[in-house]
Amino acid sequence: MEIQHLKLLAARVRELLQKSNHDIGHNLSLDLIAAIPGLRNWPEVQAFPERVAAAELDETAAVRLAFRLNKKFNLGIPPVAVLELLNPAAAERAVLAPQIWPTGPAPGVYLTNSKDAVAALLERYEEATDGAVVYAERAGSGWPGSIDLGEGGLWSEGLERLPSGTLLIIGPVELDQQSWSEESGHLAMACRRAYESSHRVAVLVDTPAPWAMCDDVFLMVDSVRDDDLASEILTGVVTVDGELQKRVPFLGGRPRPGPIHHTATTEPIPRAALEPLRAALAQQKSGVVVVGSSIITDHPAAELVAAMLALTDHVGPAARIMPRHRSTSSKDWLVPEPIKQLPYLPSVQSAYENGYRRMIFQPSHTDSDVLLEYSQDCLLIGGCYGGEVTDYYTMLRHNSARIDEHELLTRIIALLGVTIPKDEPNGYSATDLYIRPADEIARLETFEEIHSFLRANRALRWEDAMAELLDSGRASAESLERVFQRNRHVKEFLEQRTAAQLVT
């Protein structure tokens, strides 16, 4: 390269900075362009003409200049954009031929749900690049040639300095309802790194629906970005042999849900609640239904949740939503048979895209804004721990800072709570049931007002059933207090009843 060429490039850099509201002088632009031959300033350019003569306007030079511009003026401009400004032809060549493994697969994001595929990819990459360094999250941190991305992960600023074509191993990315929003941002950042720096990014995905992996990841990235980044940079999959294989088209097309013949019955529903629930749900195809039990289990009120399937078949095919990833995944299947028979999908968002409009979810792991958005078109059936309908509404307010609570109340079709002692030989239940009124619900502003409204509009009250048990002698206050020692509602009820008896 000649010094005169460098002066021409300095003028282009000066013009770029002026467009970004940074007016600089001629001398400063010359100092900046000294980054192309790897020198600190213009006097060094004049002092080392052999360095200038050997310099090339390639991606390595663009990385140095981009770093200098970002450090001095906080432009945040990627090296490829700098190269395109200075020499569009060079930018095109850089995209087609990454610095690391220039003859290898195209830069982009590649997906797999197999740890073995990641291990095979690492072997293949090391062989092809003569031991080039890999940057990895947990999915690849055990590889001898990898550098841990650390706490900053994909947001680490140092990643901008890596040569193009570098392999990044990301994940495992857990697809479930609790992690859906956070992992969407994680995947979007992986796409941004691949796009802006022409890296190869392999993502290990942990999903209950591997057949929908590509479509779900596309959905997640597209929900975060307001551009076409997902279409441009989601490239393919990692094969079992470790090959980064392009997938055309990337989206596989979601099959429409077919009929599922479950074995659910209404037997677990308390007799007094069955007909009111049947009437409330008969014409409903959207909204929220929550059932609960005072028994603490891995899957709260699972028998009641399954029973709701028998009352809602008119809505259409149902799916079960994975609330979170457990350390022992076998517990996911400790549910009644009718629930086992349903497709197991990672989120309400995914199930909706797959065509399901009836979904079993866990309120404790589902954000309220998701409930508000999807309960307009779907029937969402949840199971909770607790013995009173106000407990279930409280659970629905998961991460509720950004939602309209009154609007959430109007989406609730029914709340059913059943208090069932574990160690009473005769077995009995106290039922709490709220059915949404036929009339429009007046605007309620506070959480306390909503709780009062729910309690005042119960079709069945657990206190009435428990009082009848005590009055008939079928249960004693001592036995109920012992059985429900962790239930604050029962404790308060018994204290108030004792106080009233003392007064009389």
Protein backbone atom coordinates (compact mmCIF):
# COMPACT_ATOMS: atom_id res chain seq x y z
CA MET A 1 0.00 0.00 0.00
CA GLU A 2 1.21 3.52 -0.77
CA ILE A 3 1.13 6.49 1.60
CA GLN A 4 -1.05 8.39 -0.86
CA HIS A 5 -3.63 5.56 -0.62
CA LEU A 6 -3.63 5.88 3.16
CA LYS A 7 -4.35 9.60 2.86
CA LEU A 8 -7.34 8.82 0.65
CA LEU A 9 -8.65 6.32 3.21
CA ALA A 10 -8.14 8.92 5.99
CA ALA A 11 -10.48 11.27 4.12
CA ARG A 12 -13.16 8.56 4.06
CA VAL A 13 -12.80 7.96 7.81
CA ARG A 14 -13.09 11.71 8.43
CA GLU A 15 -16.29 11.77 6.36
CA LEU A 16 -17.69 8.81 8.36
CA LEU A 17 -17.03 10.58 11.65
CA GLN A 18 -18.63 13.81 10.39
CA LYS A 19 -21.80 11.86 9.58
CA SER A 20 -21.74 10.62 13.18
CA ASN A 21 -21.43 14.20 14.50
CA HIS A 22 -17.69 13.94 15.22
CA ASP A 23 -15.83 16.76 13.50
CA ILE A 24 -12.10 16.03 13.39
CA GLY A 25 -9.18 17.68 11.73
CA HIS A 26 -6.99 16.39 8.90
CA ASN A 27 -4.11 15.45 11.20
CA LEU A 28 -6.29 13.36 13.53
CA SER A 29 -7.78 11.47 10.59
CA LEU A 30 -4.22 10.60 9.50
CA ASP A 31 -3.42 9.33 13.01
CA LEU A 32 -6.54 7.16 12.92
CA ILE A 33 -5.79 5.62 9.54
CA ALA A 34 -2.34 4.61 10.82
CA ALA A 35 -4.16 1.62 12.30
CA ILE A 36 -4.31 0.05 8.82
CA PRO A 37 -0.56 -0.78 8.73
CA GLY A 38 -0.63 -1.39 12.49
CA LEU A 39 1.07 1.85 13.55
CA ARG A 40 0.17 4.30 16.31
CA ASN A 41 0.10 7.60 14.43
CA TRP A 42 1.05 9.40 11.21
CA PRO A 43 4.66 10.19 12.20
CA GLU A 44 5.19 6.40 12.53
CA VAL A 45 3.69 5.93 9.06
CA GLN A 46 6.32 8.28 7.66
CA ALA A 47 9.06 6.63 9.74
CA PHE A 48 8.30 3.06 8.62
CA PRO A 49 7.53 3.12 4.89
CA GLU A 50 8.29 -0.61 4.63
CA ARG A 51 5.39 -1.34 7.01
CA VAL A 52 3.09 0.75 4.84
CA ALA A 53 4.25 -0.97 1.67
CA ALA A 54 3.54 -4.40 3.18
CA ALA A 55 0.11 -3.42 4.57
CA GLU A 56 -3.10 -4.76 3.04
CA LEU A 57 -6.62 -3.47 3.37
CA ASP A 58 -8.11 -6.69 4.77
CA GLU A 59 -10.28 -7.70 7.68
CA THR A 60 -7.35 -7.76 10.12
CA ALA A 61 -6.60 -4.13 9.30
CA ALA A 62 -10.30 -3.28 9.57
CA VAL A 63 -10.46 -4.86 13.04
CA ARG A 64 -7.64 -2.56 14.21
CA LEU A 65 -9.28 0.54 12.75
CA ALA A 66 -12.73 -0.38 14.10
CA PHE A 67 -11.24 -0.82 17.56
CA ARG A 68 -9.56 2.58 17.40
CA LEU A 69 -12.76 4.30 16.23
CA ASN A 70 -14.85 2.60 18.87
CA LYS A 71 -12.40 3.40 21.65
CA LYS A 72 -11.97 7.08 20.74
CA PHE A 73 -15.49 7.91 19.54
CA ASN A 74 -17.69 5.06 20.85
CA LEU A 75 -19.08 4.40 17.37
CA GLY A 76 -19.82 0.70 17.89
CA ILE A 77 -19.19 0.01 14.20
CA PRO A 78 -18.21 -3.61 13.30
CA PRO A 79 -15.04 -4.35 11.29
CA VAL A 80 -17.00 -5.56 8.26
CA ALA A 81 -18.79 -2.21 8.07
CA VAL A 82 -15.47 -0.38 8.27
CA LEU A 83 -14.06 -2.56 5.51
CA GLU A 84 -17.11 -1.98 3.36
CA LEU A 85 -16.69 1.78 3.75
CA LEU A 86 -13.02 1.72 2.79
CA ASN A 87 -13.15 -1.00 0.13
CA PRO A 88 -16.47 -2.72 -0.69
CA ALA A 89 -14.72 -5.37 -2.77
CA ALA A 90 -12.49 -6.30 0.18
CA ALA A 91 -15.54 -6.49 2.45
CA GLU A 92 -17.20 -8.95 0.08
CA ARG A 93 -14.07 -11.11 -0.01
CA ALA A 94 -13.90 -11.05 3.80
CA VAL A 95 -17.44 -12.35 4.12
CA LEU A 96 -16.76 -15.16 1.66
CA ALA A 97 -13.43 -16.13 3.18
CA PRO A 98 -13.17 -15.92 7.00
CA GLN A 99 -9.71 -15.59 8.49
CA ILE A 100 -10.09 -18.79 10.52
CA TRP A 101 -10.75 -21.87 8.36
CA PRO A 102 -11.32 -19.86 5.14
CA THR A 103 -12.33 -22.97 3.19
CA GLY A 104 -14.74 -24.18 5.87
CA PRO A 105 -18.50 -23.76 6.29
CA ALA A 106 -20.11 -20.34 6.07
CA PRO A 107 -20.24 -18.17 9.18
CA GLY A 108 -23.59 -18.29 10.95
CA VAL A 109 -25.50 -19.98 13.75
CA TYR A 110 -25.84 -23.77 13.77
CA LEU A 111 -28.04 -25.76 16.17
CA THR A 112 -27.90 -29.20 17.76
CA ASN A 113 -29.49 -30.99 20.69
CA SER A 114 -26.63 -33.51 20.90
CA LYS A 115 -23.57 -33.21 23.17
CA ASP A 116 -21.84 -35.81 21.01
CA ALA A 117 -22.34 -33.59 17.95
CA VAL A 118 -20.62 -30.72 19.78
CA ALA A 119 -17.71 -32.99 20.73
CA ALA A 120 -17.36 -34.13 17.11
CA LEU A 121 -17.45 -30.52 15.89
CA LEU A 122 -14.63 -29.56 18.25
CA GLU A 123 -12.51 -32.43 16.92
CA ARG A 124 -13.24 -31.43 13.32
CA TYR A 125 -12.50 -27.73 13.99
CA GLU A 126 -9.18 -28.46 15.68
CA GLU A 127 -8.09 -30.69 12.81
CA ALA A 128 -9.11 -28.17 10.13
CA THR A 129 -7.56 -25.12 11.84
CA ASP A 130 -4.40 -26.68 13.30
CA GLY A 131 -5.59 -26.05 16.84
CA ALA A 132 -7.30 -22.66 16.61
CA VAL A 133 -8.77 -21.49 19.91
CA VAL A 134 -12.47 -22.05 20.63
CA TYR A 135 -14.51 -19.72 22.85
CA ALA A 136 -17.15 -21.60 24.78
CA GLU A 137 -19.89 -21.52 27.37
CA ARG A 138 -20.57 -24.59 29.51
CA ALA A 139 -21.41 -26.74 26.46
CA GLY A 140 -17.79 -26.67 25.30
CA SER A 141 -15.84 -25.62 28.38
CA GLY A 142 -14.34 -29.09 28.90
CA TRP A 143 -12.47 -29.00 25.58
CA PRO A 144 -8.69 -28.55 26.09
CA GLY A 145 -8.49 -25.95 23.32
CA SER A 146 -11.37 -23.77 24.55
CA ILE A 147 -11.40 -20.51 26.47
CA ASP A 148 -14.32 -20.05 28.86
CA LEU A 149 -16.47 -17.10 27.85
CA GLY A 150 -16.82 -16.33 31.55
CA GLU A 151 -19.38 -14.22 33.36
CA GLY A 152 -19.81 -11.73 30.50
CA GLY A 153 -20.48 -14.50 28.00
CA LEU A 154 -21.55 -13.32 24.57
CA TRP A 155 -21.73 -9.75 25.89
CA SER A 156 -17.94 -9.66 26.49
CA GLU A 157 -16.52 -6.75 24.50
CA GLY A 158 -13.35 -8.68 23.72
CA LEU A 159 -15.24 -10.90 21.30
CA GLU A 160 -15.25 -8.02 18.82
CA ARG A 161 -11.49 -8.43 18.39
CA LEU A 162 -11.55 -12.11 17.42
CA PRO A 163 -10.66 -13.00 13.83
CA SER A 164 -13.64 -13.88 11.64
CA GLY A 165 -14.55 -17.55 11.41
CA THR A 166 -13.75 -18.20 15.08
CA LEU A 167 -15.87 -20.99 16.58
CA LEU A 168 -18.09 -20.10 19.54
CA ILE A 169 -19.84 -22.91 21.45
CA ILE A 170 -22.99 -21.67 23.19
CA GLY A 171 -25.28 -23.37 25.67
CA PRO A 172 -26.80 -25.54 26.76
CA VAL A 173 -29.70 -23.21 25.97
CA GLU A 174 -32.71 -24.51 27.90
CA LEU A 175 -36.04 -24.14 26.14
CA ASP A 176 -38.81 -24.05 28.73
CA GLN A 177 -41.42 -21.55 29.91
CA GLN A 178 -39.38 -20.16 32.80
CA SER A 179 -36.30 -19.55 30.62
CA TRP A 180 -38.01 -18.63 27.34
CA SER A 181 -37.62 -14.86 27.56
CA GLU A 182 -34.05 -14.86 28.90
CA GLU A 183 -32.85 -17.49 26.44
CA SER A 184 -34.46 -15.57 23.57
CA GLY A 185 -32.14 -12.67 24.34
CA HIS A 186 -29.22 -15.09 24.66
CA LEU A 187 -29.89 -16.57 21.21
CA ALA A 188 -30.39 -13.14 19.67
CA MET A 189 -26.96 -12.10 20.95
CA ALA A 190 -25.43 -15.27 19.45
CA CYS A 191 -26.93 -14.29 16.11
CA ARG A 192 -25.60 -10.76 16.43
CA ARG A 193 -22.06 -12.03 17.11
CA ALA A 194 -22.20 -14.32 14.09
CA TYR A 195 -23.59 -11.57 11.85
CA GLU A 196 -21.38 -8.66 12.86
CA SER A 197 -18.08 -10.57 13.18
CA SER A 198 -18.61 -13.44 10.72
CA HIS A 199 -18.11 -16.07 13.43
CA ARG A 200 -19.32 -19.64 13.41
CA VAL A 201 -21.60 -20.17 16.39
CA ALA A 202 -22.73 -23.66 17.45
CA VAL A 203 -25.62 -23.73 19.94
CA LEU A 204 -26.42 -26.77 22.09
CA VAL A 205 -30.19 -26.68 22.63
CA ASP A 206 -31.96 -28.58 25.42
CA THR A 207 -35.60 -28.89 24.40
CA PRO A 208 -38.48 -31.30 25.08
CA ALA A 209 -39.42 -31.02 21.38
CA PRO A 210 -36.27 -31.60 19.26
CA TRP A 211 -38.37 -31.84 16.11
CA ALA A 212 -39.34 -28.17 16.56
CA MET A 213 -35.87 -26.93 17.57
CA CYS A 214 -35.10 -24.85 14.48
CA ASP A 215 -38.57 -23.31 14.31
CA ASP A 216 -38.56 -22.51 18.04
CA VAL A 217 -35.13 -20.85 17.95
CA PHE A 218 -36.20 -18.78 14.93
CA LEU A 219 -39.35 -17.75 16.84
CA MET A 220 -37.29 -16.76 19.89
CA VAL A 221 -34.76 -14.64 17.98
CA ASP A 222 -37.46 -13.04 15.86
CA SER A 223 -39.41 -12.06 18.99
CA VAL A 224 -36.43 -10.09 20.32
CA ARG A 225 -35.23 -8.44 17.12
CA ASP A 226 -37.18 -5.97 14.98
CA ASP A 227 -35.20 -6.82 11.85
CA ASP A 228 -34.59 -9.90 9.68
CA LEU A 229 -31.55 -11.11 11.62
CA ALA A 230 -33.06 -14.55 12.28
CA SER A 231 -33.61 -15.12 8.57
CA GLU A 232 -30.15 -13.89 7.64
CA ILE A 233 -27.94 -15.64 10.19
CA LEU A 234 -29.69 -18.83 11.43
CA THR A 235 -27.90 -21.12 9.04
CA GLY A 236 -28.16 -24.82 9.82
CA VAL A 237 -27.46 -27.70 12.18
CA VAL A 238 -24.50 -29.59 13.63
CA THR A 239 -24.59 -33.21 12.44
CA VAL A 240 -23.62 -36.21 14.57
CA ASP A 241 -20.28 -36.21 12.70
CA GLY A 242 -19.57 -32.63 13.74
CA GLU A 243 -20.29 -31.05 10.37
CA LEU A 244 -21.75 -27.54 10.23
CA GLN A 245 -24.44 -28.31 7.71
CA LYS A 246 -26.58 -25.69 6.00
CA ARG A 247 -30.33 -26.30 6.31
CA VAL A 248 -32.47 -25.09 3.41
CA PRO A 249 -35.05 -24.02 4.24
CA PHE A 250 -34.04 -23.42 7.84
CA LEU A 251 -37.65 -23.58 9.01
CA GLY A 252 -39.03 -27.09 8.82
CA GLY A 253 -42.70 -26.20 8.86
CA ARG A 254 -44.76 -27.05 11.91
CA PRO A 255 -47.16 -29.99 11.49
CA ARG A 256 -50.73 -29.24 12.48
CA PRO A 257 -51.81 -30.95 15.74
CA GLY A 258 -53.91 -34.06 15.31
CA PRO A 259 -56.56 -35.50 17.64
CA ILE A 260 -55.36 -37.03 20.91
CA HIS A 261 -57.61 -39.54 22.63
CA HIS A 262 -56.92 -39.08 26.34
CA THR A 263 -58.43 -41.05 29.22
CA ALA A 264 -59.33 -38.11 31.47
CA THR A 265 -62.52 -38.23 33.54
CA THR A 266 -64.24 -35.77 35.84
CA GLU A 267 -64.02 -38.11 38.84
CA PRO A 268 -61.39 -36.07 40.78
CA ILE A 269 -63.62 -32.95 40.73
CA PRO A 270 -65.68 -32.54 43.93
CA ARG A 271 -69.31 -33.35 43.26
CA ALA A 272 -70.61 -29.93 44.32
CA ALA A 273 -68.22 -28.17 41.91
CA LEU A 274 -68.72 -30.36 38.84
CA GLU A 275 -71.90 -28.90 37.34
CA PRO A 276 -70.99 -25.23 37.95
CA LEU A 277 -67.63 -25.88 36.27
CA ARG A 278 -69.21 -27.75 33.39
CA ALA A 279 -71.61 -24.86 32.77
CA ALA A 280 -68.85 -22.23 33.03
CA LEU A 281 -66.57 -24.01 30.57
CA ALA A 282 -69.14 -25.30 28.08
CA GLN A 283 -68.96 -22.30 25.72
CA GLN A 284 -65.46 -21.04 26.55
CA LYS A 285 -62.54 -21.45 24.16
CA SER A 286 -60.19 -18.87 25.67
CA GLY A 287 -59.26 -17.68 29.13
CA VAL A 288 -57.57 -19.04 32.24
CA VAL A 289 -58.62 -21.89 34.53
CA VAL A 290 -56.60 -22.70 37.65
CA VAL A 291 -57.13 -25.63 40.00
CA GLY A 292 -55.27 -26.26 43.22
CA SER A 293 -54.76 -28.55 46.17
CA SER A 294 -53.37 -28.16 49.66
CA ILE A 295 -51.15 -31.21 49.13
CA ILE A 296 -47.54 -30.35 48.26
CA THR A 297 -46.36 -32.41 45.29
CA ASP A 298 -44.01 -32.04 42.30
CA HIS A 299 -47.08 -31.48 40.10
CA PRO A 300 -49.68 -29.54 42.15
CA ALA A 301 -53.28 -30.71 41.73
CA ALA A 302 -52.31 -32.93 38.80
CA GLU A 303 -55.43 -35.11 39.09
CA LEU A 304 -57.65 -32.02 38.96
CA VAL A 305 -55.70 -30.63 36.00
CA ALA A 306 -56.25 -33.88 34.13
CA ALA A 307 -59.95 -33.72 34.97
CA MET A 308 -60.17 -30.30 33.32
CA LEU A 309 -59.24 -31.97 30.03
CA ALA A 310 -62.52 -33.91 30.19
CA LEU A 311 -64.50 -30.66 30.52
CA THR A 312 -62.71 -28.79 27.71
CA ASP A 313 -62.49 -31.20 24.76
CA HIS A 314 -64.60 -28.81 22.71
CA VAL A 315 -61.60 -26.43 22.55
CA GLY A 316 -59.53 -28.86 20.47
CA PRO A 317 -56.09 -30.54 20.74
CA ALA A 318 -54.20 -29.93 23.97
CA ALA A 319 -50.50 -29.66 24.80
CA ARG A 320 -48.52 -29.66 28.02
CA ILE A 321 -46.00 -26.87 28.62
CA MET A 322 -42.60 -27.58 30.19
CA PRO A 323 -42.38 -25.18 33.16
CA ARG A 324 -38.64 -25.52 33.82
CA HIS A 325 -35.71 -27.91 33.55
CA ARG A 326 -35.34 -30.25 36.52
CA SER A 327 -32.12 -31.90 37.67
CA THR A 328 -34.06 -35.18 37.50
CA SER A 329 -36.04 -35.05 34.27
CA SER A 330 -37.86 -38.30 35.09
CA LYS A 331 -40.04 -36.31 37.50
CA ASP A 332 -41.62 -34.60 34.50
CA TRP A 333 -43.47 -37.84 33.87
CA LEU A 334 -44.84 -38.39 37.39
CA VAL A 335 -48.22 -37.12 36.21
CA PRO A 336 -51.59 -38.77 35.52
CA GLU A 337 -51.82 -40.80 32.31
CA PRO A 338 -54.10 -38.31 30.48
CA ILE A 339 -51.41 -35.62 30.86
CA LYS A 340 -48.63 -37.99 29.76
CA GLN A 341 -50.50 -38.53 26.50
CA LEU A 342 -50.22 -34.85 25.52
CA PRO A 343 -47.39 -33.38 23.41
CA TYR A 344 -44.73 -31.83 25.68
CA LEU A 345 -43.69 -28.41 24.33
CA PRO A 346 -41.23 -25.82 25.70
CA SER A 347 -43.52 -22.80 26.03
CA VAL A 348 -46.95 -21.32 25.49
CA GLN A 349 -45.43 -19.35 22.61
CA SER A 350 -44.17 -22.51 20.93
CA ALA A 351 -47.45 -24.39 21.47
CA TYR A 352 -49.39 -21.50 19.95
CA GLU A 353 -47.17 -21.48 16.85
CA ASN A 354 -47.72 -25.23 16.57
CA GLY A 355 -51.47 -24.67 16.40
CA TYR A 356 -52.50 -25.65 19.95
CA ARG A 357 -55.17 -23.57 21.63
CA ARG A 358 -55.57 -25.61 24.84
CA MET A 359 -52.52 -25.79 27.11
CA ILE A 360 -51.59 -27.10 30.54
CA PHE A 361 -49.14 -24.75 32.25
CA GLN A 362 -47.69 -23.98 35.69
CA PRO A 363 -48.53 -20.43 36.86
CA SER A 364 -45.47 -20.28 39.13
CA HIS A 365 -43.18 -20.42 36.07
CA THR A 366 -45.24 -18.40 33.58
CA ASP A 367 -45.05 -14.61 33.39
CA SER A 368 -48.35 -12.76 33.66
CA ASP A 369 -47.78 -10.86 30.42
CA VAL A 370 -47.65 -14.21 28.59
CA LEU A 371 -50.98 -15.19 30.17
CA LEU A 372 -52.56 -11.90 29.13
CA GLU A 373 -51.35 -12.15 25.56
CA TYR A 374 -52.27 -15.77 24.88
CA SER A 375 -55.43 -16.13 26.96
CA GLN A 376 -57.17 -14.01 24.33
CA ASP A 377 -57.02 -16.93 21.87
CA CYS A 378 -56.22 -19.95 24.05
CA LEU A 379 -57.60 -21.83 27.03
CA LEU A 380 -54.82 -22.09 29.62
CA ILE A 381 -55.23 -24.67 32.40
CA GLY A 382 -52.93 -24.36 35.42
CA GLY A 383 -52.28 -26.29 38.62
CA CYS A 384 -51.20 -24.69 41.92
CA TYR A 385 -50.54 -25.42 45.54
CA GLY A 386 -52.99 -23.82 48.00
CA GLY A 387 -56.48 -24.20 49.38
CA GLU A 388 -58.14 -20.89 48.55
CA VAL A 389 -58.90 -19.17 45.24
CA THR A 390 -57.02 -16.02 46.28
CA ASP A 391 -53.84 -18.12 46.44
CA TYR A 392 -54.23 -18.99 42.79
CA TYR A 393 -54.80 -15.43 41.66
CA THR A 394 -51.66 -14.42 43.57
CA MET A 395 -49.72 -17.12 41.73
CA LEU A 396 -51.01 -15.85 38.37
CA ARG A 397 -49.38 -12.50 39.12
CA HIS A 398 -45.94 -13.99 38.43
CA ASN A 399 -43.62 -11.11 37.41
CA SER A 400 -46.68 -8.86 37.27
CA ALA A 401 -45.06 -5.43 37.52
CA ARG A 402 -45.84 -4.69 33.89
CA ILE A 403 -49.40 -6.02 33.60
CA ASP A 404 -52.91 -4.77 34.24
CA GLU A 405 -54.16 -6.89 37.17
CA HIS A 406 -57.81 -6.08 36.55
CA GLU A 407 -57.41 -7.26 32.97
CA LEU A 408 -55.89 -10.48 34.30
CA LEU A 409 -58.89 -10.94 36.60
CA THR A 410 -61.32 -10.63 33.68
CA ARG A 411 -59.49 -13.44 31.81
CA ILE A 412 -60.08 -15.92 34.65
CA ILE A 413 -62.97 -18.28 33.90
CA ALA A 414 -62.75 -20.39 37.07
CA LEU A 415 -60.58 -21.03 40.13
CA LEU A 416 -61.07 -24.34 41.99
CA GLY A 417 -59.34 -25.24 45.23
CA VAL A 418 -59.63 -28.53 47.08
CA THR A 419 -58.30 -28.97 50.60
CA ILE A 420 -57.57 -32.67 51.16
CA PRO A 421 -56.02 -34.01 54.38
CA LYS A 422 -53.31 -36.60 53.88
CA ASP A 423 -53.78 -38.76 56.98
CA GLU A 424 -57.52 -38.81 57.67
CA PRO A 425 -58.84 -42.37 57.20
CA ASN A 426 -62.35 -41.29 56.20
CA GLY A 427 -61.18 -38.79 53.59
CA TYR A 428 -63.08 -35.58 53.02
CA SER A 429 -62.61 -32.32 51.18
CA ALA A 430 -63.37 -28.64 51.57
CA THR A 431 -63.93 -26.97 48.21
CA ASP A 432 -63.33 -23.36 47.19
CA LEU A 433 -64.76 -22.32 43.81
CA TYR A 434 -64.85 -19.03 41.94
CA ILE A 435 -66.74 -18.72 38.66
CA ARG A 436 -66.43 -15.54 36.63
CA PRO A 437 -69.70 -13.57 36.86
CA ALA A 438 -71.81 -13.22 33.73
CA ASP A 439 -71.93 -9.44 34.15
CA GLU A 440 -68.97 -7.20 33.42
CA ILE A 441 -66.61 -6.86 36.37
CA ALA A 442 -66.36 -3.27 37.62
CA ARG A 443 -62.91 -1.73 37.50
CA LEU A 444 -60.81 -2.80 40.51
CA GLU A 445 -57.60 -0.87 41.14
CA THR A 446 -55.78 -2.62 43.97
CA PHE A 447 -54.63 -6.12 44.77
CA GLU A 448 -56.68 -6.04 48.00
CA GLU A 449 -59.86 -5.11 46.10
CA ILE A 450 -59.37 -8.03 43.73
CA HIS A 451 -58.88 -10.44 46.63
CA SER A 452 -62.04 -9.19 48.30
CA PHE A 453 -63.94 -9.56 45.03
CA LEU A 454 -62.79 -13.15 44.57
CA ARG A 455 -63.76 -14.14 48.11
CA ALA A 456 -67.14 -12.43 47.87
CA ASN A 457 -68.02 -14.11 44.55
CA ARG A 458 -67.24 -17.72 45.43
CA ALA A 459 -69.81 -20.29 44.42
CA LEU A 460 -68.44 -22.68 47.06
CA ARG A 461 -66.56 -21.72 50.21
CA TRP A 462 -64.08 -24.05 51.87
CA GLU A 463 -64.91 -22.46 55.25
CA ASP A 464 -68.53 -23.68 54.97
CA ALA A 465 -67.45 -27.24 54.27
CA MET A 466 -64.91 -27.20 57.09
CA ALA A 467 -67.43 -25.76 59.54
CA GLU A 468 -69.85 -28.56 58.63
CA LEU A 469 -67.13 -31.14 59.30
CA LEU A 470 -66.50 -29.65 62.73
CA ASP A 471 -70.18 -29.25 63.63
CA SER A 472 -70.98 -32.83 62.61
CA GLY A 473 -68.08 -34.21 64.62
CA ARG A 474 -66.45 -35.87 61.61
CA ALA A 475 -63.32 -33.87 62.32
CA SER A 476 -61.90 -32.07 65.34
CA ALA A 477 -60.22 -28.68 65.45
CA GLU A 478 -57.10 -30.38 66.79
CA SER A 479 -56.91 -32.84 63.89
CA LEU A 480 -57.46 -30.11 61.31
CA GLU A 481 -54.84 -27.90 62.93
CA ARG A 482 -52.38 -30.80 62.92
CA VAL A 483 -53.04 -31.75 59.31
CA PHE A 484 -52.99 -28.15 58.03
CA GLN A 485 -50.23 -26.74 60.22
CA ARG A 486 -48.67 -25.10 57.12
CA ASN A 487 -51.95 -23.62 55.85
CA ARG A 488 -52.41 -20.07 57.15
CA HIS A 489 -56.05 -19.91 55.97
CA VAL A 490 -57.06 -22.95 58.06
CA LYS A 491 -55.12 -21.64 61.05
CA GLU A 492 -56.87 -18.26 60.90
CA PHE A 493 -60.26 -19.93 60.41
CA LEU A 494 -59.83 -22.17 63.47
CA GLU A 495 -58.60 -19.26 65.61
CA GLN A 496 -61.60 -17.12 64.64
CA ARG A 497 -64.00 -20.01 65.27
CA THR A 498 -62.51 -20.65 68.71
CA ALA A 499 -62.70 -16.95 69.58
CA ALA A 500 -66.35 -16.78 68.51
CA GLN A 501 -67.23 -19.84 70.63
CA LEU A 502 -65.56 -18.28 73.67
CA VAL A 503 -67.63 -15.11 73.26
CA THR A 504 -70.90 -17.06 73.09
